[in-house]
Amino acid sequence: MVHIVFAHGAGAGPESDFMQHISGLLEEKGYKVQRIAFPYWQKVLQTGKKRPPDRAPVLDQYFVETVQALRDPGQPLFVMGKSMGARVAARTAEQLGATGMIGLGFPFHPPGKPERDRFDDLACAHVPSLIIQGSRDPFGNESWLELERLPSFVRVQWLAAANHDLVAPKRTGLSPEQGWQQVVDMVDQFIQEQLN
């Protein structure tokens, strides 16, 4: 069974509607999905108080140790993350020997600061990588992203009119759940391509 370990973003944890819905749809397709909570988010849940994420080395080390403890060595592993979690997945994919990396709403740059790009994080992956990005994502939209700057192993698929949470405006007639179904279909196709 293909194993997907799913890391959350900076401001919402594994219990978010987004992560629960995406995970549920992937499980319906037969994947084993495990959502993990970084240490700082565990404290948020315990105290009810917002706090900033841990520094990158702490996030990365926790992710690597957690995935190594969870994984079945005989099964293909895909690391997946939402926003900040996608950066962690990209930085650790090679070390974990992942078959592939999936980023949902990759934060290519802080909103309003396109000069502070994060292509270096993506370049760490060195495994087949899929980024699913809303075309209106303030962290890197379709008009901003120069595809030639991406490493050769990274592919970007766009969700039309969607934001950082991969949700399109109501005027499109697409509900969040319908958009997330499209996301899962893209993820499923990517995984199957890597396995064949």
C-alpha atoms as a PDB file:
ATOM      1  CA  MET A   1       0.000   0.000   0.000  1.00  0.00           C
ATOM      2  CA  VAL A   2       1.276   3.462  -0.889  1.00  0.00           C
ATOM      3  CA  HIS A   3       1.992   5.516   2.234  1.00  0.00           C
ATOM      4  CA  ILE A   4       1.451   9.301   2.218  1.00  0.00           C
ATOM      5  CA  VAL A   5       2.663  11.388   5.152  1.00  0.00           C
ATOM      6  CA  PHE A   6       0.939  14.773   5.159  1.00  0.00           C
ATOM      7  CA  ALA A   7       2.417  17.843   6.907  1.00  0.00           C
ATOM      8  CA  HIS A   8       0.333  20.899   7.791  1.00  0.00           C
ATOM      9  CA  GLY A   9       0.824  24.600   7.129  1.00  0.00           C
ATOM     10  CA  ALA A  10       1.856  27.325   9.557  1.00  0.00           C
ATOM     11  CA  GLY A  11      -1.594  28.491  10.620  1.00  0.00           C
ATOM     12  CA  ALA A  12      -3.789  25.379  10.570  1.00  0.00           C
ATOM     13  CA  GLY A  13      -3.099  21.857  11.761  1.00  0.00           C
ATOM     14  CA  PRO A  14      -4.007  18.307  10.750  1.00  0.00           C
ATOM     15  CA  GLU A  15      -7.514  18.815  12.118  1.00  0.00           C
ATOM     16  CA  SER A  16      -8.334  21.489   9.491  1.00  0.00           C
ATOM     17  CA  ASP A  17     -11.202  20.851   7.067  1.00  0.00           C
ATOM     18  CA  PHE A  18      -8.701  21.021   4.199  1.00  0.00           C
ATOM     19  CA  MET A  19      -6.393  18.303   5.527  1.00  0.00           C
ATOM     20  CA  GLN A  20      -9.186  16.061   6.770  1.00  0.00           C
ATOM     21  CA  HIS A  21     -11.059  16.269   3.463  1.00  0.00           C
ATOM     22  CA  ILE A  22      -7.985  15.713   1.272  1.00  0.00           C
ATOM     23  CA  SER A  23      -6.874  12.796   3.475  1.00  0.00           C
ATOM     24  CA  GLY A  24     -10.337  11.206   3.401  1.00  0.00           C
ATOM     25  CA  LEU A  25     -10.563  11.380  -0.390  1.00  0.00           C
ATOM     26  CA  LEU A  26      -7.095   9.849  -0.769  1.00  0.00           C
ATOM     27  CA  GLU A  27      -7.981   7.063   1.661  1.00  0.00           C
ATOM     28  CA  GLU A  28     -11.076   6.336  -0.433  1.00  0.00           C
ATOM     29  CA  LYS A  29      -8.673   5.744  -3.342  1.00  0.00           C
ATOM     30  CA  GLY A  30      -6.799   3.154  -1.291  1.00  0.00           C
ATOM     31  CA  TYR A  31      -3.865   5.188   0.032  1.00  0.00           C
ATOM     32  CA  LYS A  32      -2.617   5.062   3.609  1.00  0.00           C
ATOM     33  CA  VAL A  33      -2.530   8.722   4.754  1.00  0.00           C
ATOM     34  CA  GLN A  34      -1.057   9.923   8.031  1.00  0.00           C
ATOM     35  CA  ARG A  35      -1.333  13.547   9.068  1.00  0.00           C
ATOM     36  CA  ILE A  36       1.280  14.774  11.487  1.00  0.00           C
ATOM     37  CA  ALA A  37       1.290  17.726  13.884  1.00  0.00           C
ATOM     38  CA  PHE A  38       4.564  19.574  14.395  1.00  0.00           C
ATOM     39  CA  PRO A  39       5.609  20.167  18.042  1.00  0.00           C
ATOM     40  CA  TYR A  40       4.591  23.851  18.032  1.00  0.00           C
ATOM     41  CA  TRP A  41       1.114  22.921  16.773  1.00  0.00           C
ATOM     42  CA  GLN A  42       0.756  20.278  19.474  1.00  0.00           C
ATOM     43  CA  LYS A  43       1.319  23.115  21.974  1.00  0.00           C
ATOM     44  CA  VAL A  44      -1.278  25.265  20.166  1.00  0.00           C
ATOM     45  CA  LEU A  45      -3.821  22.472  20.588  1.00  0.00           C
ATOM     46  CA  GLN A  46      -2.880  21.967  24.247  1.00  0.00           C
ATOM     47  CA  THR A  47      -2.974  25.649  25.213  1.00  0.00           C
ATOM     48  CA  GLY A  48      -5.467  27.086  22.743  1.00  0.00           C
ATOM     49  CA  LYS A  49      -2.986  29.905  22.068  1.00  0.00           C
ATOM     50  CA  LYS A  50      -1.535  30.677  18.640  1.00  0.00           C
ATOM     51  CA  ARG A  51       2.226  30.506  18.375  1.00  0.00           C
ATOM     52  CA  PRO A  52       4.712  30.803  15.504  1.00  0.00           C
ATOM     53  CA  PRO A  53       6.136  27.694  13.865  1.00  0.00           C
ATOM     54  CA  ASP A  54       9.402  26.205  15.024  1.00  0.00           C
ATOM     55  CA  ARG A  55      12.492  27.026  12.999  1.00  0.00           C
ATOM     56  CA  ALA A  56      13.113  25.029   9.816  1.00  0.00           C
ATOM     57  CA  PRO A  57      15.767  22.652  11.276  1.00  0.00           C
ATOM     58  CA  VAL A  58      13.373  21.692  14.105  1.00  0.00           C
ATOM     59  CA  LEU A  59      10.480  21.121  11.698  1.00  0.00           C
ATOM     60  CA  ASP A  60      12.646  19.081   9.334  1.00  0.00           C
ATOM     61  CA  GLN A  61      14.165  16.909  12.057  1.00  0.00           C
ATOM     62  CA  TYR A  62      10.758  16.183  13.596  1.00  0.00           C
ATOM     63  CA  PHE A  63       9.306  15.304  10.196  1.00  0.00           C
ATOM     64  CA  VAL A  64      12.186  12.972   9.310  1.00  0.00           C
ATOM     65  CA  GLU A  65      12.083  11.204  12.683  1.00  0.00           C
ATOM     66  CA  THR A  66       8.288  10.878  12.603  1.00  0.00           C
ATOM     67  CA  VAL A  67       8.174   9.558   9.042  1.00  0.00           C
ATOM     68  CA  GLN A  68      10.960   7.072   9.751  1.00  0.00           C
ATOM     69  CA  ALA A  69       9.030   5.805  12.784  1.00  0.00           C
ATOM     70  CA  LEU A  70       5.738   5.523  10.873  1.00  0.00           C
ATOM     71  CA  ARG A  71       6.833   4.134   7.544  1.00  0.00           C
ATOM     72  CA  ASP A  72       6.669   0.583   6.280  1.00  0.00           C
ATOM     73  CA  PRO A  73      10.056   0.050   4.585  1.00  0.00           C
ATOM     74  CA  GLY A  74       8.519  -2.191   1.954  1.00  0.00           C
ATOM     75  CA  GLN A  75       5.959   0.340   0.731  1.00  0.00           C
ATOM     76  CA  PRO A  76       6.343   3.372  -1.569  1.00  0.00           C
ATOM     77  CA  LEU A  77       6.474   6.617   0.418  1.00  0.00           C
ATOM     78  CA  PHE A  78       5.185   9.992  -0.733  1.00  0.00           C
ATOM     79  CA  VAL A  79       5.717  13.082   1.398  1.00  0.00           C
ATOM     80  CA  MET A  80       3.051  15.758   1.059  1.00  0.00           C
ATOM     81  CA  GLY A  81       2.585  19.133   2.655  1.00  0.00           C
ATOM     82  CA  LYS A  82       0.301  22.132   2.726  1.00  0.00           C
ATOM     83  CA  SER A  83       2.152  25.463   2.394  1.00  0.00           C
ATOM     84  CA  MET A  84       4.873  25.437   5.093  1.00  0.00           C
ATOM     85  CA  GLY A  85       4.500  21.656   5.259  1.00  0.00           C
ATOM     86  CA  ALA A  86       5.293  21.494   1.549  1.00  0.00           C
ATOM     87  CA  ARG A  87       8.589  23.287   2.186  1.00  0.00           C
ATOM     88  CA  VAL A  88       9.420  20.715   4.873  1.00  0.00           C
ATOM     89  CA  ALA A  89       8.438  17.838   2.559  1.00  0.00           C
ATOM     90  CA  ALA A  90      10.651  19.225  -0.211  1.00  0.00           C
ATOM     91  CA  ARG A  91      13.654  19.704   2.084  1.00  0.00           C
ATOM     92  CA  THR A  92      13.419  16.172   3.514  1.00  0.00           C
ATOM     93  CA  ALA A  93      12.170  14.052   0.560  1.00  0.00           C
ATOM     94  CA  GLU A  94      15.598  12.918  -0.599  1.00  0.00           C
ATOM     95  CA  GLN A  95      16.834  12.090   2.907  1.00  0.00           C
ATOM     96  CA  LEU A  96      13.700  10.000   3.486  1.00  0.00           C
ATOM     97  CA  GLY A  97      14.097   8.134   0.208  1.00  0.00           C
ATOM     98  CA  ALA A  98      10.622   9.219  -0.862  1.00  0.00           C
ATOM     99  CA  THR A  99       9.243   8.046  -4.196  1.00  0.00           C
ATOM    100  CA  GLY A 100       7.800  11.522  -4.692  1.00  0.00           C
ATOM    101  CA  MET A 101       6.957  14.854  -3.084  1.00  0.00           C
ATOM    102  CA  ILE A 102       3.623  16.701  -3.301  1.00  0.00           C
ATOM    103  CA  GLY A 103       3.112  20.342  -2.352  1.00  0.00           C
ATOM    104  CA  LEU A 104      -0.390  21.778  -1.985  1.00  0.00           C
ATOM    105  CA  GLY A 105      -0.314  25.571  -2.128  1.00  0.00           C
ATOM    106  CA  PHE A 106       3.473  25.950  -2.139  1.00  0.00           C
ATOM    107  CA  PRO A 107       4.543  29.269  -0.565  1.00  0.00           C
ATOM    108  CA  PHE A 108       6.862  30.367  -3.376  1.00  0.00           C
ATOM    109  CA  HIS A 109       7.266  33.742  -1.651  1.00  0.00           C
ATOM    110  CA  PRO A 110       5.702  35.665   1.242  1.00  0.00           C
ATOM    111  CA  PRO A 111       2.586  37.600   0.122  1.00  0.00           C
ATOM    112  CA  GLY A 112       3.616  40.950  -1.330  1.00  0.00           C
ATOM    113  CA  LYS A 113       7.326  40.029  -1.276  1.00  0.00           C
ATOM    114  CA  PRO A 114       7.995  38.183  -4.545  1.00  0.00           C
ATOM    115  CA  GLU A 115      11.701  39.017  -4.342  1.00  0.00           C
ATOM    116  CA  ARG A 116      12.031  36.660  -1.328  1.00  0.00           C
ATOM    117  CA  ASP A 117      11.448  33.456  -3.263  1.00  0.00           C
ATOM    118  CA  ARG A 118      11.813  29.953  -1.887  1.00  0.00           C
ATOM    119  CA  PHE A 119      13.010  28.038  -4.928  1.00  0.00           C
ATOM    120  CA  ASP A 120      15.938  26.733  -2.857  1.00  0.00           C
ATOM    121  CA  ASP A 121      13.554  24.635  -0.752  1.00  0.00           C
ATOM    122  CA  LEU A 122      12.123  23.005  -3.864  1.00  0.00           C
ATOM    123  CA  ALA A 123      15.582  22.371  -5.274  1.00  0.00           C
ATOM    124  CA  CYS A 124      16.364  20.176  -2.232  1.00  0.00           C
ATOM    125  CA  ALA A 125      13.772  17.543  -3.117  1.00  0.00           C
ATOM    126  CA  HIS A 126      15.682  15.671  -5.861  1.00  0.00           C
ATOM    127  CA  VAL A 127      12.671  13.348  -6.336  1.00  0.00           C
ATOM    128  CA  PRO A 128       9.715  13.650  -8.740  1.00  0.00           C
ATOM    129  CA  SER A 129       7.646  16.503  -7.328  1.00  0.00           C
ATOM    130  CA  LEU A 130       4.157  17.842  -7.961  1.00  0.00           C
ATOM    131  CA  ILE A 131       3.036  21.296  -6.877  1.00  0.00           C
ATOM    132  CA  ILE A 132      -0.700  21.989  -7.039  1.00  0.00           C
ATOM    133  CA  GLN A 133      -1.194  25.733  -6.912  1.00  0.00           C
ATOM    134  CA  GLY A 134      -4.175  28.047  -7.051  1.00  0.00           C
ATOM    135  CA  SER A 135      -3.809  30.395 -10.031  1.00  0.00           C
ATOM    136  CA  ARG A 136      -4.645  33.326  -7.682  1.00  0.00           C
ATOM    137  CA  ASP A 137      -2.418  32.234  -4.790  1.00  0.00           C
ATOM    138  CA  PRO A 138      -0.829  35.332  -3.179  1.00  0.00           C
ATOM    139  CA  PHE A 139       2.167  33.134  -2.268  1.00  0.00           C
ATOM    140  CA  GLY A 140       2.924  32.611  -5.966  1.00  0.00           C
ATOM    141  CA  ASN A 141       0.297  32.942  -8.685  1.00  0.00           C
ATOM    142  CA  GLU A 142       0.256  31.804 -12.287  1.00  0.00           C
ATOM    143  CA  SER A 143       1.330  35.144 -13.748  1.00  0.00           C
ATOM    144  CA  TRP A 144       4.313  35.426 -11.351  1.00  0.00           C
ATOM    145  CA  LEU A 145       5.790  31.947 -11.538  1.00  0.00           C
ATOM    146  CA  GLU A 146       8.533  31.576 -14.114  1.00  0.00           C
ATOM    147  CA  LEU A 147       8.421  27.854 -14.822  1.00  0.00           C
ATOM    148  CA  GLU A 148      11.947  27.832 -16.208  1.00  0.00           C
ATOM    149  CA  ARG A 149      13.209  28.626 -12.696  1.00  0.00           C
ATOM    150  CA  LEU A 150      11.836  25.334 -11.389  1.00  0.00           C
ATOM    151  CA  PRO A 151      14.085  22.279 -11.028  1.00  0.00           C
ATOM    152  CA  SER A 152      13.567  19.736 -13.810  1.00  0.00           C
ATOM    153  CA  PHE A 153      11.952  17.227 -11.415  1.00  0.00           C
ATOM    154  CA  VAL A 154       9.174  19.673 -10.375  1.00  0.00           C
ATOM    155  CA  ARG A 155       5.836  19.905 -12.165  1.00  0.00           C
ATOM    156  CA  VAL A 156       3.188  22.552 -11.379  1.00  0.00           C
ATOM    157  CA  GLN A 157      -0.512  22.023 -11.960  1.00  0.00           C
ATOM    158  CA  TRP A 158      -2.857  24.967 -11.587  1.00  0.00           C
ATOM    159  CA  LEU A 159      -6.303  25.056 -10.034  1.00  0.00           C
ATOM    160  CA  ALA A 160      -8.151  27.773 -11.939  1.00  0.00           C
ATOM    161  CA  ALA A 161      -9.058  30.920  -9.936  1.00  0.00           C
ATOM    162  CA  ALA A 162      -8.198  29.200  -6.636  1.00  0.00           C
ATOM    163  CA  ASN A 163      -6.471  30.810  -3.644  1.00  0.00           C
ATOM    164  CA  HIS A 164      -3.772  29.539  -1.258  1.00  0.00           C
ATOM    165  CA  ASP A 165      -6.213  27.023   0.238  1.00  0.00           C
ATOM    166  CA  LEU A 166      -7.059  25.760  -3.256  1.00  0.00           C
ATOM    167  CA  VAL A 167     -10.548  27.230  -3.031  1.00  0.00           C
ATOM    168  CA  ALA A 168     -12.085  29.079  -5.996  1.00  0.00           C
ATOM    169  CA  PRO A 169     -14.440  32.068  -5.541  1.00  0.00           C
ATOM    170  CA  LYS A 170     -18.155  31.324  -5.211  1.00  0.00           C
ATOM    171  CA  ARG A 171     -18.793  33.010  -8.560  1.00  0.00           C
ATOM    172  CA  THR A 172     -17.047  30.086 -10.273  1.00  0.00           C
ATOM    173  CA  GLY A 173     -19.747  27.736  -9.004  1.00  0.00           C
ATOM    174  CA  LEU A 174     -17.065  25.391  -7.650  1.00  0.00           C
ATOM    175  CA  SER A 175     -17.450  24.437  -3.982  1.00  0.00           C
ATOM    176  CA  PRO A 176     -14.319  23.930  -1.852  1.00  0.00           C
ATOM    177  CA  GLU A 177     -15.053  20.200  -1.781  1.00  0.00           C
ATOM    178  CA  GLN A 178     -15.284  20.029  -5.587  1.00  0.00           C
ATOM    179  CA  GLY A 179     -11.972  21.852  -5.896  1.00  0.00           C
ATOM    180  CA  TRP A 180     -10.344  19.512  -3.381  1.00  0.00           C
ATOM    181  CA  GLN A 181     -11.651  16.538  -5.353  1.00  0.00           C
ATOM    182  CA  GLN A 182      -9.773  17.927  -8.376  1.00  0.00           C
ATOM    183  CA  VAL A 183      -6.661  18.224  -6.204  1.00  0.00           C
ATOM    184  CA  VAL A 184      -6.940  14.596  -5.103  1.00  0.00           C
ATOM    185  CA  ASP A 185      -7.438  13.435  -8.679  1.00  0.00           C
ATOM    186  CA  MET A 186      -4.216  15.263  -9.651  1.00  0.00           C
ATOM    187  CA  VAL A 187      -2.361  13.707  -6.700  1.00  0.00           C
ATOM    188  CA  ASP A 188      -3.663  10.247  -7.578  1.00  0.00           C
ATOM    189  CA  GLN A 189      -2.578  10.595 -11.212  1.00  0.00           C
ATOM    190  CA  PHE A 190       0.892  11.781 -10.178  1.00  0.00           C
ATOM    191  CA  ILE A 191       1.385   8.893  -7.740  1.00  0.00           C
ATOM    192  CA  GLN A 192       0.261   6.308 -10.272  1.00  0.00           C
ATOM    193  CA  GLU A 193       2.692   7.746 -12.821  1.00  0.00           C
ATOM    194  CA  GLN A 194       5.580   7.330 -10.375  1.00  0.00           C
ATOM    195  CA  LEU A 195       4.634   3.737  -9.587  1.00  0.00           C
ATOM    196  CA  ASN A 196       4.322   2.609 -13.223  1.00  0.00           C
END
